[in-house]
Amino acid sequence: MTVGSPLVFRPSFAQRAMAVLLFAGSWLVGVRALAQILERLPVLRASLKVAEAASEPTWSFWVAVVAAIGAVVAGSLLLIGTLLGVLLVEGSQVLVDELGLTVEHNALPAPLARKLGAGRLLWKRISRLERSGPFFVVRGGGEPGRTGPADPVLRFLLVDELERLVLMVLERSPNLKHED
């Protein structure tokens, strides 16, 4: 059996550009929000000192400070999430050959890439194809009676010609289970 060159599915230019724009937009919003918070902290501190000196309640100032810190944390998490999304879109590719399906996340370190769905499955090992959150998921375990290491769960976000890829998986996977 001769194995030809694999088909490579990658995100299109438009999909990659959209991911970069989402990241850039969240970065700009985060920087602007942080600048506003830092700009208002001296005013809050001065108001807190005046309220303490006048023996007035200061709980509203503390709520404002905690809300500002919460906004910084939420913005940081959003920024990390969009950065991870950009790396997953920009560095991901799905390879299809005669033996199976391979998902690669080249922009991420290998342990993180495996955790986020990089790996290889033979056609006969594919048991399910589904959508889980933003990911398309290909699960292993399709070959009955096989023992050994657990099959990886392959995940990818976007690829150009997704319909063609899904049809290829459906056609070539003999142990794929369909749920009605």
C-alpha atoms as a PDB file:
ATOM      1  CA  MET A   1       0.000   0.000   0.000  1.00  0.00           C
ATOM      2  CA  THR A   2       1.426   3.356  -0.978  1.00  0.00           C
ATOM      3  CA  VAL A   3       0.593   6.343   1.092  1.00  0.00           C
ATOM      4  CA  GLY A   4       0.230   9.594  -0.852  1.00  0.00           C
ATOM      5  CA  SER A   5       0.743  13.051   0.451  1.00  0.00           C
ATOM      6  CA  PRO A   6      -1.822  14.085   3.054  1.00  0.00           C
ATOM      7  CA  LEU A   7      -4.558  16.641   2.535  1.00  0.00           C
ATOM      8  CA  VAL A   8      -4.016  19.643   4.780  1.00  0.00           C
ATOM      9  CA  PHE A   9      -6.922  21.630   6.191  1.00  0.00           C
ATOM     10  CA  ARG A  10      -6.089  25.023   7.720  1.00  0.00           C
ATOM     11  CA  PRO A  11      -8.155  28.036   8.712  1.00  0.00           C
ATOM     12  CA  SER A  12      -8.783  30.430   5.838  1.00  0.00           C
ATOM     13  CA  PHE A  13      -7.279  33.908   5.709  1.00  0.00           C
ATOM     14  CA  ALA A  14     -10.622  35.417   6.742  1.00  0.00           C
ATOM     15  CA  GLN A  15     -10.916  33.085   9.759  1.00  0.00           C
ATOM     16  CA  ARG A  16      -7.362  33.872  10.866  1.00  0.00           C
ATOM     17  CA  ALA A  17      -7.903  37.609  10.367  1.00  0.00           C
ATOM     18  CA  MET A  18     -11.092  37.454  12.453  1.00  0.00           C
ATOM     19  CA  ALA A  19      -9.221  35.769  15.321  1.00  0.00           C
ATOM     20  CA  VAL A  20      -6.464  38.391  15.203  1.00  0.00           C
ATOM     21  CA  LEU A  21      -9.031  41.213  15.154  1.00  0.00           C
ATOM     22  CA  LEU A  22     -10.816  39.742  18.191  1.00  0.00           C
ATOM     23  CA  PHE A  23      -7.502  39.544  20.038  1.00  0.00           C
ATOM     24  CA  ALA A  24      -6.475  43.083  19.058  1.00  0.00           C
ATOM     25  CA  GLY A  25      -9.879  44.449  20.018  1.00  0.00           C
ATOM     26  CA  SER A  26      -9.856  42.775  23.420  1.00  0.00           C
ATOM     27  CA  TRP A  27      -6.302  44.015  24.002  1.00  0.00           C
ATOM     28  CA  LEU A  28      -7.282  47.599  23.172  1.00  0.00           C
ATOM     29  CA  VAL A  29     -10.394  47.452  25.369  1.00  0.00           C
ATOM     30  CA  GLY A  30      -8.360  45.945  28.218  1.00  0.00           C
ATOM     31  CA  VAL A  31      -5.652  48.598  28.004  1.00  0.00           C
ATOM     32  CA  ARG A  32      -8.256  51.387  27.912  1.00  0.00           C
ATOM     33  CA  ALA A  33     -10.129  49.964  30.912  1.00  0.00           C
ATOM     34  CA  LEU A  34      -6.895  49.574  32.885  1.00  0.00           C
ATOM     35  CA  ALA A  35      -5.926  53.156  32.063  1.00  0.00           C
ATOM     36  CA  GLN A  36      -9.306  54.402  33.299  1.00  0.00           C
ATOM     37  CA  ILE A  37      -9.031  52.407  36.509  1.00  0.00           C
ATOM     38  CA  LEU A  38      -5.510  53.656  37.199  1.00  0.00           C
ATOM     39  CA  GLU A  39      -6.649  57.200  36.428  1.00  0.00           C
ATOM     40  CA  ARG A  40      -9.439  57.007  39.010  1.00  0.00           C
ATOM     41  CA  LEU A  41      -7.565  55.233  41.814  1.00  0.00           C
ATOM     42  CA  PRO A  42      -6.012  58.443  43.228  1.00  0.00           C
ATOM     43  CA  VAL A  43      -9.483  60.042  43.327  1.00  0.00           C
ATOM     44  CA  LEU A  44     -10.883  56.988  45.135  1.00  0.00           C
ATOM     45  CA  ARG A  45      -7.979  57.019  47.589  1.00  0.00           C
ATOM     46  CA  ALA A  46      -8.448  60.713  48.340  1.00  0.00           C
ATOM     47  CA  SER A  47     -12.213  60.248  48.765  1.00  0.00           C
ATOM     48  CA  LEU A  48     -11.551  57.318  51.101  1.00  0.00           C
ATOM     49  CA  LYS A  49      -9.203  59.450  53.255  1.00  0.00           C
ATOM     50  CA  VAL A  50     -11.791  62.277  53.416  1.00  0.00           C
ATOM     51  CA  ALA A  51     -14.558  59.852  54.379  1.00  0.00           C
ATOM     52  CA  GLU A  52     -12.383  58.248  57.077  1.00  0.00           C
ATOM     53  CA  ALA A  53     -11.480  61.685  58.458  1.00  0.00           C
ATOM     54  CA  ALA A  54     -15.162  62.670  58.587  1.00  0.00           C
ATOM     55  CA  SER A  55     -16.063  59.315  60.229  1.00  0.00           C
ATOM     56  CA  GLU A  56     -18.425  58.456  57.370  1.00  0.00           C
ATOM     57  CA  PRO A  57     -18.969  54.903  56.092  1.00  0.00           C
ATOM     58  CA  THR A  58     -16.359  53.807  53.548  1.00  0.00           C
ATOM     59  CA  TRP A  59     -17.924  50.585  52.287  1.00  0.00           C
ATOM     60  CA  SER A  60     -18.949  52.138  48.934  1.00  0.00           C
ATOM     61  CA  PHE A  61     -15.337  53.087  48.231  1.00  0.00           C
ATOM     62  CA  TRP A  62     -14.179  49.562  49.024  1.00  0.00           C
ATOM     63  CA  VAL A  63     -16.864  48.161  46.711  1.00  0.00           C
ATOM     64  CA  ALA A  64     -15.548  50.428  43.942  1.00  0.00           C
ATOM     65  CA  VAL A  65     -11.960  49.268  44.543  1.00  0.00           C
ATOM     66  CA  VAL A  66     -12.979  45.585  44.562  1.00  0.00           C
ATOM     67  CA  ALA A  67     -15.022  46.132  41.375  1.00  0.00           C
ATOM     68  CA  ALA A  68     -12.002  47.739  39.707  1.00  0.00           C
ATOM     69  CA  ILE A  69      -9.780  44.823  40.687  1.00  0.00           C
ATOM     70  CA  GLY A  70     -12.452  42.400  39.450  1.00  0.00           C
ATOM     71  CA  ALA A  71     -12.585  44.234  36.123  1.00  0.00           C
ATOM     72  CA  VAL A  72      -8.809  43.943  35.741  1.00  0.00           C
ATOM     73  CA  VAL A  73      -8.920  40.201  36.490  1.00  0.00           C
ATOM     74  CA  ALA A  74     -11.847  39.628  34.090  1.00  0.00           C
ATOM     75  CA  GLY A  75     -10.089  41.621  31.372  1.00  0.00           C
ATOM     76  CA  SER A  76      -6.898  39.625  31.877  1.00  0.00           C
ATOM     77  CA  LEU A  77      -8.787  36.338  31.561  1.00  0.00           C
ATOM     78  CA  LEU A  78     -10.472  37.585  28.387  1.00  0.00           C
ATOM     79  CA  LEU A  79      -7.126  38.603  26.962  1.00  0.00           C
ATOM     80  CA  ILE A  80      -5.580  35.215  27.765  1.00  0.00           C
ATOM     81  CA  GLY A  81      -8.599  33.471  26.230  1.00  0.00           C
ATOM     82  CA  THR A  82      -8.411  35.457  23.010  1.00  0.00           C
ATOM     83  CA  LEU A  83      -4.631  34.937  22.833  1.00  0.00           C
ATOM     84  CA  LEU A  84      -5.160  31.182  23.169  1.00  0.00           C
ATOM     85  CA  GLY A  85      -7.849  31.395  20.482  1.00  0.00           C
ATOM     86  CA  VAL A  86      -5.494  33.202  18.107  1.00  0.00           C
ATOM     87  CA  LEU A  87      -2.770  30.616  18.711  1.00  0.00           C
ATOM     88  CA  LEU A  88      -5.241  27.760  18.165  1.00  0.00           C
ATOM     89  CA  VAL A  89      -6.536  29.246  14.937  1.00  0.00           C
ATOM     90  CA  GLU A  90      -3.225  30.468  13.561  1.00  0.00           C
ATOM     91  CA  GLY A  91      -1.130  27.380  14.366  1.00  0.00           C
ATOM     92  CA  SER A  92      -3.647  24.582  13.794  1.00  0.00           C
ATOM     93  CA  GLN A  93      -3.958  22.217  10.895  1.00  0.00           C
ATOM     94  CA  VAL A  94      -5.760  18.964  10.246  1.00  0.00           C
ATOM     95  CA  LEU A  95      -3.961  16.377   8.123  1.00  0.00           C
ATOM     96  CA  VAL A  96      -5.910  13.621   6.371  1.00  0.00           C
ATOM     97  CA  ASP A  97      -4.088  10.677   4.800  1.00  0.00           C
ATOM     98  CA  GLU A  98      -4.860   7.067   3.892  1.00  0.00           C
ATOM     99  CA  LEU A  99      -4.262   5.845   7.459  1.00  0.00           C
ATOM    100  CA  GLY A 100      -6.065   8.402   9.572  1.00  0.00           C
ATOM    101  CA  LEU A 101      -6.550  11.898  10.841  1.00  0.00           C
ATOM    102  CA  THR A 102      -3.971  14.132  12.561  1.00  0.00           C
ATOM    103  CA  VAL A 103      -4.593  17.416  14.371  1.00  0.00           C
ATOM    104  CA  GLU A 104      -1.586  19.652  15.006  1.00  0.00           C
ATOM    105  CA  HIS A 105      -1.380  22.830  17.076  1.00  0.00           C
ATOM    106  CA  ASN A 106       2.053  24.083  16.045  1.00  0.00           C
ATOM    107  CA  ALA A 107       1.880  27.456  17.815  1.00  0.00           C
ATOM    108  CA  LEU A 108       1.553  25.871  21.270  1.00  0.00           C
ATOM    109  CA  PRO A 109       4.054  23.926  23.398  1.00  0.00           C
ATOM    110  CA  ALA A 110       3.655  20.164  22.914  1.00  0.00           C
ATOM    111  CA  PRO A 111       2.099  19.312  26.339  1.00  0.00           C
ATOM    112  CA  LEU A 112      -0.460  22.118  26.022  1.00  0.00           C
ATOM    113  CA  ALA A 113      -1.142  21.192  22.394  1.00  0.00           C
ATOM    114  CA  ARG A 114      -1.900  17.572  23.400  1.00  0.00           C
ATOM    115  CA  LYS A 115      -4.144  18.768  26.214  1.00  0.00           C
ATOM    116  CA  LEU A 116      -6.047  20.993  23.779  1.00  0.00           C
ATOM    117  CA  GLY A 117      -6.575  18.232  21.225  1.00  0.00           C
ATOM    118  CA  ALA A 118      -3.480  17.569  19.135  1.00  0.00           C
ATOM    119  CA  GLY A 119      -2.834  13.956  18.170  1.00  0.00           C
ATOM    120  CA  ARG A 120      -3.502  11.213  15.635  1.00  0.00           C
ATOM    121  CA  LEU A 121      -6.290   8.685  15.185  1.00  0.00           C
ATOM    122  CA  LEU A 122      -6.501   5.880  12.670  1.00  0.00           C
ATOM    123  CA  TRP A 123      -9.725   5.720  10.657  1.00  0.00           C
ATOM    124  CA  LYS A 124     -10.813   2.475  12.319  1.00  0.00           C
ATOM    125  CA  ARG A 125     -10.278   4.007  15.801  1.00  0.00           C
ATOM    126  CA  ILE A 126     -12.622   6.989  15.276  1.00  0.00           C
ATOM    127  CA  SER A 127     -15.864   6.455  17.175  1.00  0.00           C
ATOM    128  CA  ARG A 128     -17.527   9.884  17.352  1.00  0.00           C
ATOM    129  CA  LEU A 129     -17.512  13.236  15.609  1.00  0.00           C
ATOM    130  CA  GLU A 130     -19.217  16.038  17.498  1.00  0.00           C
ATOM    131  CA  ARG A 131     -19.291  19.709  18.362  1.00  0.00           C
ATOM    132  CA  SER A 132     -18.370  20.672  21.935  1.00  0.00           C
ATOM    133  CA  GLY A 133     -18.426  24.388  22.669  1.00  0.00           C
ATOM    134  CA  PRO A 134     -16.264  26.167  20.119  1.00  0.00           C
ATOM    135  CA  PHE A 135     -14.377  22.973  19.205  1.00  0.00           C
ATOM    136  CA  PHE A 136     -15.007  20.238  16.694  1.00  0.00           C
ATOM    137  CA  VAL A 137     -14.172  16.995  18.503  1.00  0.00           C
ATOM    138  CA  VAL A 138     -13.112  13.614  17.083  1.00  0.00           C
ATOM    139  CA  ARG A 139     -13.118  10.833  19.696  1.00  0.00           C
ATOM    140  CA  GLY A 140     -11.337   7.505  19.561  1.00  0.00           C
ATOM    141  CA  GLY A 141     -12.291   4.063  20.842  1.00  0.00           C
ATOM    142  CA  GLY A 142     -14.079   2.841  17.739  1.00  0.00           C
ATOM    143  CA  GLU A 143     -12.286  -0.472  17.332  1.00  0.00           C
ATOM    144  CA  PRO A 144     -13.963  -3.024  19.646  1.00  0.00           C
ATOM    145  CA  GLY A 145     -11.839  -5.461  21.640  1.00  0.00           C
ATOM    146  CA  ARG A 146      -8.636  -3.434  21.474  1.00  0.00           C
ATOM    147  CA  THR A 147      -6.568  -2.944  24.610  1.00  0.00           C
ATOM    148  CA  GLY A 148      -3.716  -0.549  25.137  1.00  0.00           C
ATOM    149  CA  PRO A 149      -3.255   3.144  25.720  1.00  0.00           C
ATOM    150  CA  ALA A 150      -6.319   5.358  25.526  1.00  0.00           C
ATOM    151  CA  ASP A 151      -6.966   7.113  22.244  1.00  0.00           C
ATOM    152  CA  PRO A 152      -6.500  10.872  22.157  1.00  0.00           C
ATOM    153  CA  VAL A 153      -9.438  13.218  21.788  1.00  0.00           C
ATOM    154  CA  LEU A 154      -8.733  15.430  18.788  1.00  0.00           C
ATOM    155  CA  ARG A 155     -10.003  19.028  18.857  1.00  0.00           C
ATOM    156  CA  PHE A 156      -9.779  21.911  16.430  1.00  0.00           C
ATOM    157  CA  LEU A 157     -11.518  25.284  16.150  1.00  0.00           C
ATOM    158  CA  LEU A 158     -11.770  26.266  12.510  1.00  0.00           C
ATOM    159  CA  VAL A 159     -10.676  24.967   9.143  1.00  0.00           C
ATOM    160  CA  ASP A 160     -11.459  26.060   5.627  1.00  0.00           C
ATOM    161  CA  GLU A 161     -13.654  23.537   3.781  1.00  0.00           C
ATOM    162  CA  LEU A 162     -15.028  22.103   7.020  1.00  0.00           C
ATOM    163  CA  GLU A 163     -17.856  20.315   5.189  1.00  0.00           C
ATOM    164  CA  ARG A 164     -15.353  18.422   3.034  1.00  0.00           C
ATOM    165  CA  LEU A 165     -13.366  17.368   6.107  1.00  0.00           C
ATOM    166  CA  VAL A 166     -16.493  16.142   7.926  1.00  0.00           C
ATOM    167  CA  LEU A 167     -17.618  14.160   4.868  1.00  0.00           C
ATOM    168  CA  MET A 168     -14.184  12.535   4.614  1.00  0.00           C
ATOM    169  CA  VAL A 169     -14.326  11.500   8.282  1.00  0.00           C
ATOM    170  CA  LEU A 170     -17.841  10.098   7.815  1.00  0.00           C
ATOM    171  CA  GLU A 171     -16.848   8.162   4.681  1.00  0.00           C
ATOM    172  CA  ARG A 172     -13.581   6.699   5.947  1.00  0.00           C
ATOM    173  CA  SER A 173     -14.435   5.800   9.556  1.00  0.00           C
ATOM    174  CA  PRO A 174     -15.988   2.316   9.653  1.00  0.00           C
ATOM    175  CA  ASN A 175     -16.653   2.363  13.424  1.00  0.00           C
ATOM    176  CA  LEU A 176     -18.189   5.839  13.619  1.00  0.00           C
ATOM    177  CA  LYS A 177     -21.328   5.782  15.778  1.00  0.00           C
ATOM    178  CA  HIS A 178     -24.287   7.904  14.708  1.00  0.00           C
ATOM    179  CA  GLU A 179     -26.624   9.333  17.305  1.00  0.00           C
ATOM    180  CA  ASP A 180     -30.192  10.075  16.214  1.00  0.00           C
END
